[in-house]
Amino acid sequence: MKIIWDIQKAEKLLHERDISIEAIADMLMRSEFLEILENPKHPDQMMFIVSYKGYTHAVPFMIDAEGRVVLKTVYPSRKHHRHFGGKGHES
Protein backbone atom coordinates (compact mmCIF):
# COMPACT_ATOMS: atom_id res chain seq x y z
CA MET A 1 0.00 0.00 0.00
CA LYS A 2 1.36 3.42 -0.97
CA ILE A 3 0.26 6.28 1.32
CA ILE A 4 0.61 9.96 0.43
CA TRP A 5 -0.48 13.26 2.00
CA ASP A 6 -0.12 17.00 1.60
CA ILE A 7 3.12 18.24 3.18
CA GLN A 8 1.65 21.62 4.24
CA LYS A 9 -1.31 19.85 5.86
CA ALA A 10 1.11 17.58 7.75
CA GLU A 11 3.03 20.59 9.08
CA LYS A 12 -0.20 22.29 10.13
CA LEU A 13 -1.42 19.16 11.97
CA LEU A 14 1.89 18.84 13.77
CA HIS A 15 1.97 22.51 14.76
CA GLU A 16 -1.71 22.98 15.68
CA ARG A 17 -2.74 19.55 17.02
CA ASP A 18 0.57 17.82 17.82
CA ILE A 19 -0.43 15.04 15.40
CA SER A 20 2.23 13.47 13.21
CA ILE A 21 0.69 12.33 9.94
CA GLU A 22 3.94 10.45 9.28
CA ALA A 23 3.43 8.43 12.49
CA ILE A 24 -0.18 7.76 11.47
CA ALA A 25 0.98 6.57 8.02
CA ASP A 26 3.51 4.23 9.68
CA MET A 27 0.73 2.79 11.85
CA LEU A 28 -1.46 2.24 8.80
CA MET A 29 1.38 0.49 6.95
CA ARG A 30 1.62 -1.92 9.90
CA SER A 31 -2.20 -2.41 9.80
CA GLU A 32 -2.50 -0.79 13.24
CA PHE A 33 -5.97 0.62 12.83
CA LEU A 34 -9.17 -0.20 14.66
CA GLU A 35 -11.62 0.02 11.78
CA ILE A 36 -12.21 1.33 8.28
CA LEU A 37 -15.52 3.16 7.92
CA GLU A 38 -17.39 5.11 5.28
CA ASN A 39 -17.11 8.87 5.72
CA PRO A 40 -20.72 10.03 6.21
CA LYS A 41 -19.96 13.62 5.23
CA HIS A 42 -17.98 12.79 2.08
CA PRO A 43 -19.29 9.82 0.04
CA ASP A 44 -16.07 9.70 -1.99
CA GLN A 45 -13.99 9.07 1.17
CA MET A 46 -13.44 6.40 3.79
CA MET A 47 -11.94 6.79 7.28
CA PHE A 48 -9.33 4.82 9.17
CA ILE A 49 -10.01 4.81 12.91
CA VAL A 50 -6.77 4.69 14.91
CA SER A 51 -5.67 4.95 18.51
CA TYR A 52 -2.98 7.64 18.68
CA LYS A 53 -1.44 9.01 21.87
CA GLY A 54 -4.11 7.35 23.98
CA TYR A 55 -7.09 8.74 22.08
CA THR A 56 -9.18 7.59 19.12
CA HIS A 57 -8.65 9.58 15.91
CA ALA A 58 -10.39 9.58 12.54
CA VAL A 59 -8.23 9.66 9.41
CA PRO A 60 -10.28 10.45 6.29
CA PHE A 61 -8.76 9.16 3.06
CA MET A 62 -9.48 8.43 -0.56
CA ILE A 63 -7.89 6.22 -3.20
CA ASP A 64 -6.48 8.16 -6.16
CA ALA A 65 -6.41 7.08 -9.82
CA GLU A 66 -3.03 5.41 -9.27
CA GLY A 67 -4.32 3.31 -6.35
CA ARG A 68 -2.52 5.32 -3.66
CA VAL A 69 -4.12 6.03 -0.28
CA VAL A 70 -4.39 9.83 0.06
CA LEU A 71 -4.69 10.92 3.70
CA LYS A 72 -6.79 14.08 3.98
CA THR A 73 -6.44 14.98 7.67
CA VAL A 74 -6.38 13.50 11.18
CA TYR A 75 -8.61 14.59 14.03
CA PRO A 76 -9.54 13.34 17.52
CA SER A 77 -13.03 11.87 17.57
CA ARG A 78 -15.14 11.78 20.74
CA LYS A 79 -17.76 9.70 18.93
CA HIS A 80 -15.30 6.99 17.94
CA HIS A 81 -13.44 7.19 21.25
CA ARG A 82 -16.68 6.43 23.08
CA HIS A 83 -17.34 3.49 20.74
CA PHE A 84 -13.84 2.00 20.83
CA GLY A 85 -13.04 3.08 24.38
CA GLY A 86 -9.41 3.81 23.65
CA LYS A 87 -8.74 0.18 22.64
CA GLY A 88 -6.01 -0.76 20.23
CA HIS A 89 -2.45 0.20 19.53
CA GLU A 90 -1.05 3.17 21.36
CA SER A 91 1.43 5.27 19.42
PDB file of N, CA and C in Angstrom:
ATOM      1  N   MET A   1       0.855  -1.175   0.000  1.00  0.00           N
ATOM      2  CA  MET A   1       0.000   0.000   0.000  1.00  0.00           C
ATOM      3  C   MET A   1       0.900   1.236   0.000  1.00  0.00           C
ATOM      4  N   LYS A   2       0.635   2.140  -0.886  1.00  0.00           N
ATOM      5  CA  LYS A   2       1.361   3.418  -0.967  1.00  0.00           C
ATOM      6  C   LYS A   2       0.476   4.492  -0.342  1.00  0.00           C
ATOM      7  N   ILE A   3       1.014   5.235   0.619  1.00  0.00           N
ATOM      8  CA  ILE A   3       0.264   6.275   1.319  1.00  0.00           C
ATOM      9  C   ILE A   3       0.917   7.626   1.039  1.00  0.00           C
ATOM     10  N   ILE A   4       0.105   8.605   0.666  1.00  0.00           N
ATOM     11  CA  ILE A   4       0.610   9.962   0.431  1.00  0.00           C
ATOM     12  C   ILE A   4      -0.265  10.965   1.184  1.00  0.00           C
ATOM     13  N   TRP A   5       0.260  12.194   1.329  1.00  0.00           N
ATOM     14  CA  TRP A   5      -0.477  13.264   1.999  1.00  0.00           C
ATOM     15  C   TRP A   5       0.123  14.594   1.581  1.00  0.00           C
ATOM     16  N   ASP A   6      -0.579  15.653   1.893  1.00  0.00           N
ATOM     17  CA  ASP A   6      -0.121  17.005   1.602  1.00  0.00           C
ATOM     18  C   ASP A   6       0.877  17.438   2.674  1.00  0.00           C
ATOM     19  N   ILE A   7       2.057  17.858   2.250  1.00  0.00           N
ATOM     20  CA  ILE A   7       3.120  18.244   3.184  1.00  0.00           C
ATOM     21  C   ILE A   7       2.708  19.440   4.053  1.00  0.00           C
ATOM     22  N   GLN A   8       2.073  20.451   3.455  1.00  0.00           N
ATOM     23  CA  GLN A   8       1.646  21.621   4.236  1.00  0.00           C
ATOM     24  C   GLN A   8       0.601  21.220   5.282  1.00  0.00           C
ATOM     25  N   LYS A   9      -0.297  20.314   4.905  1.00  0.00           N
ATOM     26  CA  LYS A   9      -1.306  19.845   5.857  1.00  0.00           C
ATOM     27  C   LYS A   9      -0.626  19.118   7.016  1.00  0.00           C
ATOM     28  N   ALA A  10       0.385  18.313   6.713  1.00  0.00           N
ATOM     29  CA  ALA A  10       1.109  17.580   7.750  1.00  0.00           C
ATOM     30  C   ALA A  10       1.781  18.542   8.732  1.00  0.00           C
ATOM     31  N   GLU A  11       2.393  19.606   8.212  1.00  0.00           N
ATOM     32  CA  GLU A  11       3.031  20.593   9.081  1.00  0.00           C
ATOM     33  C   GLU A  11       2.007  21.301   9.953  1.00  0.00           C
ATOM     34  N   LYS A  12       0.862  21.630   9.374  1.00  0.00           N
ATOM     35  CA  LYS A  12      -0.202  22.295  10.125  1.00  0.00           C
ATOM     36  C   LYS A  12      -0.723  21.388  11.249  1.00  0.00           C
ATOM     37  N   LEU A  13      -0.946  20.100  10.944  1.00  0.00           N
ATOM     38  CA  LEU A  13      -1.418  19.162  11.965  1.00  0.00           C
ATOM     39  C   LEU A  13      -0.412  19.026  13.099  1.00  0.00           C
ATOM     40  N   LEU A  14       0.863  18.967  12.745  1.00  0.00           N
ATOM     41  CA  LEU A  14       1.891  18.836  13.769  1.00  0.00           C
ATOM     42  C   LEU A  14       1.946  20.086  14.645  1.00  0.00           C
ATOM     43  N   HIS A  15       1.876  21.241  14.026  1.00  0.00           N
ATOM     44  CA  HIS A  15       1.966  22.507  14.761  1.00  0.00           C
ATOM     45  C   HIS A  15       0.714  22.782  15.605  1.00  0.00           C
ATOM     46  N   GLU A  16      -0.472  22.598  15.011  1.00  0.00           N
ATOM     47  CA  GLU A  16      -1.712  22.984  15.683  1.00  0.00           C
ATOM     48  C   GLU A  16      -2.290  21.910  16.602  1.00  0.00           C
ATOM     49  N   ARG A  17      -2.099  20.628  16.252  1.00  0.00           N
ATOM     50  CA  ARG A  17      -2.735  19.552  17.021  1.00  0.00           C
ATOM     51  C   ARG A  17      -1.757  18.559  17.619  1.00  0.00           C
ATOM     52  N   ASP A  18      -0.458  18.755  17.366  1.00  0.00           N
ATOM     53  CA  ASP A  18       0.568  17.816  17.824  1.00  0.00           C
ATOM     54  C   ASP A  18       0.284  16.399  17.308  1.00  0.00           C
ATOM     55  N   ILE A  19      -0.152  16.320  16.049  1.00  0.00           N
ATOM     56  CA  ILE A  19      -0.432  15.042  15.405  1.00  0.00           C
ATOM     57  C   ILE A  19       0.549  14.867  14.252  1.00  0.00           C
ATOM     58  N   SER A  20       1.272  13.772  14.275  1.00  0.00           N
ATOM     59  CA  SER A  20       2.227  13.472  13.209  1.00  0.00           C
ATOM     60  C   SER A  20       1.564  12.575  12.171  1.00  0.00           C
ATOM     61  N   ILE A  21       1.302  13.133  11.000  1.00  0.00           N
ATOM     62  CA  ILE A  21       0.686  12.334   9.941  1.00  0.00           C
ATOM     63  C   ILE A  21       1.647  11.237   9.477  1.00  0.00           C
ATOM     64  N   GLU A  22       2.957  11.474   9.615  1.00  0.00           N
ATOM     65  CA  GLU A  22       3.939  10.445   9.284  1.00  0.00           C
ATOM     66  C   GLU A  22       3.803   9.248  10.223  1.00  0.00           C
ATOM     67  N   ALA A  23       3.617   9.512  11.518  1.00  0.00           N
ATOM     68  CA  ALA A  23       3.429   8.427  12.490  1.00  0.00           C
ATOM     69  C   ALA A  23       2.136   7.671  12.202  1.00  0.00           C
ATOM     70  N   ILE A  24       1.096   8.399  11.832  1.00  0.00           N
ATOM     71  CA  ILE A  24      -0.182   7.757  11.474  1.00  0.00           C
ATOM     72  C   ILE A  24       0.022   6.863  10.257  1.00  0.00           C
ATOM     73  N   ALA A  25       0.719   7.367   9.231  1.00  0.00           N
ATOM     74  CA  ALA A  25       0.976   6.569   8.023  1.00  0.00           C
ATOM     75  C   ALA A  25       1.759   5.304   8.368  1.00  0.00           C
ATOM     76  N   ASP A  26       2.747   5.413   9.258  1.00  0.00           N
ATOM     77  CA  ASP A  26       3.506   4.233   9.680  1.00  0.00           C
ATOM     78  C   ASP A  26       2.590   3.214  10.354  1.00  0.00           C
ATOM     79  N   MET A  27       1.685   3.689  11.200  1.00  0.00           N
ATOM     80  CA  MET A  27       0.731   2.791  11.851  1.00  0.00           C
ATOM     81  C   MET A  27      -0.132   2.081  10.809  1.00  0.00           C
ATOM     82  N   LEU A  28      -0.605   2.824   9.829  1.00  0.00           N
ATOM     83  CA  LEU A  28      -1.462   2.242   8.798  1.00  0.00           C
ATOM     84  C   LEU A  28      -0.704   1.199   7.983  1.00  0.00           C
ATOM     85  N   MET A  29       0.562   1.462   7.695  1.00  0.00           N
ATOM     86  CA  MET A  29       1.377   0.494   6.954  1.00  0.00           C
ATOM     87  C   MET A  29       1.548  -0.806   7.729  1.00  0.00           C
ATOM     88  N   ARG A  30       1.513  -0.726   9.056  1.00  0.00           N
ATOM     89  CA  ARG A  30       1.620  -1.915   9.903  1.00  0.00           C
ATOM     90  C   ARG A  30       0.232  -2.487  10.237  1.00  0.00           C
ATOM     91  N   SER A  31      -0.806  -1.985   9.571  1.00  0.00           N
ATOM     92  CA  SER A  31      -2.202  -2.409   9.803  1.00  0.00           C
ATOM     93  C   SER A  31      -2.651  -2.177  11.238  1.00  0.00           C
ATOM     94  N   GLU A  32      -2.134  -1.128  11.868  1.00  0.00           N
ATOM     95  CA  GLU A  32      -2.497  -0.788  13.242  1.00  0.00           C
ATOM     96  C   GLU A  32      -3.628   0.232  13.247  1.00  0.00           C
ATOM     97  N   PHE A  33      -4.782  -0.209  12.787  1.00  0.00           N
ATOM     98  CA  PHE A  33      -5.975   0.625  12.833  1.00  0.00           C
ATOM     99  C   PHE A  33      -7.100  -0.202  13.426  1.00  0.00           C
ATOM    100  N   LEU A  34      -8.069   0.480  13.987  1.00  0.00           N
ATOM    101  CA  LEU A  34      -9.172  -0.201  14.655  1.00  0.00           C
ATOM    102  C   LEU A  34     -10.283  -0.601  13.700  1.00  0.00           C
ATOM    103  N   GLU A  35     -10.492   0.230  12.688  1.00  0.00           N
ATOM    104  CA  GLU A  35     -11.618   0.016  11.778  1.00  0.00           C
ATOM    105  C   GLU A  35     -11.425   0.876  10.535  1.00  0.00           C
ATOM    106  N   ILE A  36     -12.088   0.494   9.462  1.00  0.00           N
ATOM    107  CA  ILE A  36     -12.207   1.334   8.279  1.00  0.00           C
ATOM    108  C   ILE A  36     -13.699   1.551   8.065  1.00  0.00           C
ATOM    109  N   LEU A  37     -14.104   2.815   8.030  1.00  0.00           N
ATOM    110  CA  LEU A  37     -15.524   3.163   7.919  1.00  0.00           C
ATOM    111  C   LEU A  37     -15.763   4.072   6.719  1.00  0.00           C
ATOM    112  N   GLU A  38     -17.003   4.126   6.278  1.00  0.00           N
ATOM    113  CA  GLU A  38     -17.387   5.113   5.275  1.00  0.00           C
ATOM    114  C   GLU A  38     -17.411   6.475   5.941  1.00  0.00           C
ATOM    115  N   ASN A  39     -17.049   7.509   5.199  1.00  0.00           N
ATOM    116  CA  ASN A  39     -17.106   8.869   5.719  1.00  0.00           C
ATOM    117  C   ASN A  39     -18.506   9.408   5.420  1.00  0.00           C
ATOM    118  N   PRO A  40     -19.333   9.615   6.447  1.00  0.00           N
ATOM    119  CA  PRO A  40     -20.720  10.032   6.209  1.00  0.00           C
ATOM    120  C   PRO A  40     -20.860  11.416   5.586  1.00  0.00           C
ATOM    121  N   LYS A  41     -19.864  12.273   5.770  1.00  0.00           N
ATOM    122  CA  LYS A  41     -19.956  13.625   5.227  1.00  0.00           C
ATOM    123  C   LYS A  41     -19.403  13.735   3.811  1.00  0.00           C
ATOM    124  N   HIS A  42     -18.605  12.763   3.403  1.00  0.00           N
ATOM    125  CA  HIS A  42     -17.983  12.788   2.078  1.00  0.00           C
ATOM    126  C   HIS A  42     -18.099  11.393   1.466  1.00  0.00           C
ATOM    127  N   PRO A  43     -19.077  11.166   0.592  1.00  0.00           N
ATOM    128  CA  PRO A  43     -19.291   9.822   0.044  1.00  0.00           C
ATOM    129  C   PRO A  43     -18.115   9.282  -0.770  1.00  0.00           C
ATOM    130  N   ASP A  44     -17.223  10.149  -1.213  1.00  0.00           N
ATOM    131  CA  ASP A  44     -16.067   9.699  -1.989  1.00  0.00           C
ATOM    132  C   ASP A  44     -14.889   9.304  -1.102  1.00  0.00           C
ATOM    133  N   GLN A  45     -15.071   9.366   0.228  1.00  0.00           N
ATOM    134  CA  GLN A  45     -13.987   9.073   1.167  1.00  0.00           C
ATOM    135  C   GLN A  45     -14.365   7.960   2.130  1.00  0.00           C
ATOM    136  N   MET A  46     -13.308   7.359   2.689  1.00  0.00           N
ATOM    137  CA  MET A  46     -13.437   6.404   3.786  1.00  0.00           C
ATOM    138  C   MET A  46     -12.652   6.997   4.952  1.00  0.00           C
ATOM    139  N   MET A  47     -12.696   6.334   6.116  1.00  0.00           N
ATOM    140  CA  MET A  47     -11.940   6.791   7.276  1.00  0.00           C
ATOM    141  C   MET A  47     -11.279   5.608   7.968  1.00  0.00           C
ATOM    142  N   PHE A  48      -9.994   5.739   8.245  1.00  0.00           N
ATOM    143  CA  PHE A  48      -9.334   4.824   9.171  1.00  0.00           C
ATOM    144  C   PHE A  48      -9.645   5.347  10.564  1.00  0.00           C
ATOM    145  N   ILE A  49      -9.872   4.456  11.498  1.00  0.00           N
ATOM    146  CA  ILE A  49     -10.012   4.812  12.905  1.00  0.00           C
ATOM    147  C   ILE A  49      -8.781   4.240  13.606  1.00  0.00           C
ATOM    148  N   VAL A  50      -8.012   5.105  14.266  1.00  0.00           N
ATOM    149  CA  VAL A  50      -6.766   4.689  14.910  1.00  0.00           C
ATOM    150  C   VAL A  50      -6.724   5.180  16.357  1.00  0.00           C
ATOM    151  N   SER A  51      -5.951   4.488  17.161  1.00  0.00           N
ATOM    152  CA  SER A  51      -5.671   4.948  18.514  1.00  0.00           C
ATOM    153  C   SER A  51      -4.290   5.575  18.483  1.00  0.00           C
ATOM    154  N   TYR A  52      -4.230   6.875  18.773  1.00  0.00           N
ATOM    155  CA  TYR A  52      -2.985   7.637  18.678  1.00  0.00           C
ATOM    156  C   TYR A  52      -2.837   8.478  19.940  1.00  0.00           C
ATOM    157  N   LYS A  53      -1.728   8.289  20.617  1.00  0.00           N
ATOM    158  CA  LYS A  53      -1.445   9.015  21.866  1.00  0.00           C
ATOM    159  C   LYS A  53      -2.579   8.863  22.878  1.00  0.00           C
ATOM    160  N   GLY A  54      -3.101   7.654  22.973  1.00  0.00           N
ATOM    161  CA  GLY A  54      -4.110   7.353  23.980  1.00  0.00           C
ATOM    162  C   GLY A  54      -5.514   7.808  23.669  1.00  0.00           C
ATOM    163  N   TYR A  55      -5.760   8.272  22.435  1.00  0.00           N
ATOM    164  CA  TYR A  55      -7.093   8.744  22.081  1.00  0.00           C
ATOM    165  C   TYR A  55      -7.436   8.261  20.674  1.00  0.00           C
ATOM    166  N   THR A  56      -8.716   8.082  20.418  1.00  0.00           N
ATOM    167  CA  THR A  56      -9.178   7.594  19.124  1.00  0.00           C
ATOM    168  C   THR A  56      -9.283   8.750  18.138  1.00  0.00           C
ATOM    169  N   HIS A  57      -8.683   8.562  16.965  1.00  0.00           N
ATOM    170  CA  HIS A  57      -8.655   9.577  15.914  1.00  0.00           C
ATOM    171  C   HIS A  57      -9.266   9.031  14.627  1.00  0.00           C
ATOM    172  N   ALA A  58      -9.887   9.907  13.865  1.00  0.00           N
ATOM    173  CA  ALA A  58     -10.394   9.580  12.537  1.00  0.00           C
ATOM    174  C   ALA A  58      -9.402  10.106  11.502  1.00  0.00           C
ATOM    175  N   VAL A  59      -9.177   9.297  10.472  1.00  0.00           N
ATOM    176  CA  VAL A  59      -8.232   9.657   9.412  1.00  0.00           C
ATOM    177  C   VAL A  59      -8.942   9.486   8.063  1.00  0.00           C
ATOM    178  N   PRO A  60      -9.615  10.541   7.589  1.00  0.00           N
ATOM    179  CA  PRO A  60     -10.283  10.451   6.285  1.00  0.00           C
ATOM    180  C   PRO A  60      -9.260  10.254   5.160  1.00  0.00           C
ATOM    181  N   PHE A  61      -9.646   9.414   4.190  1.00  0.00           N
ATOM    182  CA  PHE A  61      -8.759   9.163   3.058  1.00  0.00           C
ATOM    183  C   PHE A  61      -9.574   8.827   1.822  1.00  0.00           C
ATOM    184  N   MET A  62      -8.891   8.886   0.692  1.00  0.00           N
ATOM    185  CA  MET A  62      -9.483   8.427  -0.561  1.00  0.00           C
ATOM    186  C   MET A  62      -8.408   7.675  -1.330  1.00  0.00           C
ATOM    187  N   ILE A  63      -8.816   6.932  -2.324  1.00  0.00           N
ATOM    188  CA  ILE A  63      -7.890   6.221  -3.201  1.00  0.00           C
ATOM    189  C   ILE A  63      -7.824   7.002  -4.502  1.00  0.00           C
ATOM    190  N   ASP A  64      -6.608   7.382  -4.922  1.00  0.00           N
ATOM    191  CA  ASP A  64      -6.484   8.158  -6.161  1.00  0.00           C
ATOM    192  C   ASP A  64      -6.467   7.237  -7.385  1.00  0.00           C
ATOM    193  N   ALA A  65      -6.361   7.826  -8.559  1.00  0.00           N
ATOM    194  CA  ALA A  65      -6.413   7.081  -9.821  1.00  0.00           C
ATOM    195  C   ALA A  65      -5.263   6.079  -9.955  1.00  0.00           C
ATOM    196  N   GLU A  66      -4.179   6.306  -9.217  1.00  0.00           N
ATOM    197  CA  GLU A  66      -3.031   5.407  -9.270  1.00  0.00           C
ATOM    198  C   GLU A  66      -3.062   4.349  -8.171  1.00  0.00           C
ATOM    199  N   GLY A  67      -4.162   4.307  -7.399  1.00  0.00           N
ATOM    200  CA  GLY A  67      -4.315   3.309  -6.349  1.00  0.00           C
ATOM    201  C   GLY A  67      -3.632   3.656  -5.042  1.00  0.00           C
ATOM    202  N   ARG A  68      -3.170   4.892  -4.893  1.00  0.00           N
ATOM    203  CA  ARG A  68      -2.521   5.315  -3.657  1.00  0.00           C
ATOM    204  C   ARG A  68      -3.568   5.768  -2.643  1.00  0.00           C
ATOM    205  N   VAL A  69      -3.279   5.538  -1.365  1.00  0.00           N
ATOM    206  CA  VAL A  69      -4.120   6.030  -0.276  1.00  0.00           C
ATOM    207  C   VAL A  69      -3.705   7.475  -0.022  1.00  0.00           C
ATOM    208  N   VAL A  70      -4.662   8.403  -0.148  1.00  0.00           N
ATOM    209  CA  VAL A  70      -4.388   9.832   0.056  1.00  0.00           C
ATOM    210  C   VAL A  70      -5.024  10.241   1.382  1.00  0.00           C
ATOM    211  N   LEU A  71      -4.186  10.493   2.393  1.00  0.00           N
ATOM    212  CA  LEU A  71      -4.687  10.921   3.695  1.00  0.00           C
ATOM    213  C   LEU A  71      -5.078  12.389   3.609  1.00  0.00           C
ATOM    214  N   LYS A  72      -6.280  12.716   4.069  1.00  0.00           N
ATOM    215  CA  LYS A  72      -6.789  14.077   3.983  1.00  0.00           C
ATOM    216  C   LYS A  72      -6.476  14.895   5.231  1.00  0.00           C
ATOM    217  N   THR A  73      -6.690  14.315   6.400  1.00  0.00           N
ATOM    218  CA  THR A  73      -6.439  14.984   7.675  1.00  0.00           C
ATOM    219  C   THR A  73      -6.465  13.928   8.772  1.00  0.00           C
ATOM    220  N   VAL A  74      -6.261  14.352  10.000  1.00  0.00           N
ATOM    221  CA  VAL A  74      -6.385  13.496  11.184  1.00  0.00           C
ATOM    222  C   VAL A  74      -7.011  14.356  12.267  1.00  0.00           C
ATOM    223  N   TYR A  75      -8.020  13.810  12.939  1.00  0.00           N
ATOM    224  CA  TYR A  75      -8.611  14.588  14.029  1.00  0.00           C
ATOM    225  C   TYR A  75      -9.100  13.660  15.135  1.00  0.00           C
ATOM    226  N   PRO A  76      -9.012  14.134  16.403  1.00  0.00           N
ATOM    227  CA  PRO A  76      -9.538  13.344  17.516  1.00  0.00           C
ATOM    228  C   PRO A  76     -11.054  13.255  17.398  1.00  0.00           C
ATOM    229  N   SER A  77     -11.592  12.079  17.727  1.00  0.00           N
ATOM    230  CA  SER A  77     -13.030  11.867  17.568  1.00  0.00           C
ATOM    231  C   SER A  77     -13.651  11.353  18.870  1.00  0.00           C
ATOM    232  N   ARG A  78     -14.432  12.210  19.523  1.00  0.00           N
ATOM    233  CA  ARG A  78     -15.139  11.781  20.740  1.00  0.00           C
ATOM    234  C   ARG A  78     -16.086  10.631  20.429  1.00  0.00           C
ATOM    235  N   LYS A  79     -16.794  10.738  19.319  1.00  0.00           N
ATOM    236  CA  LYS A  79     -17.764   9.697  18.931  1.00  0.00           C
ATOM    237  C   LYS A  79     -17.085   8.330  18.822  1.00  0.00           C
ATOM    238  N   HIS A  80     -15.980   8.270  18.111  1.00  0.00           N
ATOM    239  CA  HIS A  80     -15.301   6.992  17.937  1.00  0.00           C
ATOM    240  C   HIS A  80     -14.558   6.570  19.197  1.00  0.00           C
ATOM    241  N   HIS A  81     -14.096   7.532  19.993  1.00  0.00           N
ATOM    242  CA  HIS A  81     -13.442   7.190  21.251  1.00  0.00           C
ATOM    243  C   HIS A  81     -14.436   6.530  22.209  1.00  0.00           C
ATOM    244  N   ARG A  82     -15.649   7.053  22.238  1.00  0.00           N
ATOM    245  CA  ARG A  82     -16.684   6.426  23.079  1.00  0.00           C
ATOM    246  C   ARG A  82     -16.946   5.003  22.602  1.00  0.00           C
ATOM    247  N   HIS A  83     -17.030   4.819  21.289  1.00  0.00           N
ATOM    248  CA  HIS A  83     -17.341   3.494  20.735  1.00  0.00           C
ATOM    249  C   HIS A  83     -16.207   2.500  20.967  1.00  0.00           C
ATOM    250  N   PHE A  84     -14.974   2.907  20.714  1.00  0.00           N
ATOM    251  CA  PHE A  84     -13.844   1.995  20.826  1.00  0.00           C
ATOM    252  C   PHE A  84     -13.199   2.022  22.199  1.00  0.00           C
ATOM    253  N   GLY A  85     -13.524   3.017  23.007  1.00  0.00           N
ATOM    254  CA  GLY A  85     -13.044   3.076  24.382  1.00  0.00           C
ATOM    255  C   GLY A  85     -11.541   3.137  24.528  1.00  0.00           C
ATOM    256  N   GLY A  86     -10.853   3.691  23.548  1.00  0.00           N
ATOM    257  CA  GLY A  86      -9.410   3.806  23.649  1.00  0.00           C
ATOM    258  C   GLY A  86      -8.677   2.494  23.417  1.00  0.00           C
ATOM    259  N   LYS A  87      -9.380   1.463  22.898  1.00  0.00           N
ATOM    260  CA  LYS A  87      -8.740   0.177  22.640  1.00  0.00           C
ATOM    261  C   LYS A  87      -7.775   0.282  21.465  1.00  0.00           C
ATOM    262  N   GLY A  88      -6.869  -0.669  21.401  1.00  0.00           N
ATOM    263  CA  GLY A  88      -6.009  -0.761  20.227  1.00  0.00           C
ATOM    264  C   GLY A  88      -4.581  -0.383  20.504  1.00  0.00           C
ATOM    265  N   HIS A  89      -3.873  -0.128  19.442  1.00  0.00           N
ATOM    266  CA  HIS A  89      -2.454   0.203  19.527  1.00  0.00           C
ATOM    267  C   HIS A  89      -2.300   1.630  20.009  1.00  0.00           C
ATOM    268  N   GLU A  90      -1.327   1.830  20.827  1.00  0.00           N
ATOM    269  CA  GLU A  90      -1.048   3.166  21.363  1.00  0.00           C
ATOM    270  C   GLU A  90       0.252   3.668  20.781  1.00  0.00           C
ATOM    271  N   SER A  91       0.199   4.692  19.966  1.00  0.00           N
ATOM    272  CA  SER A  91       1.428   5.267  19.420  1.00  0.00           C
ATOM    273  C   SER A  91       1.546   6.707  19.844  1.00  0.00           C
TER     274      SER A  91
END
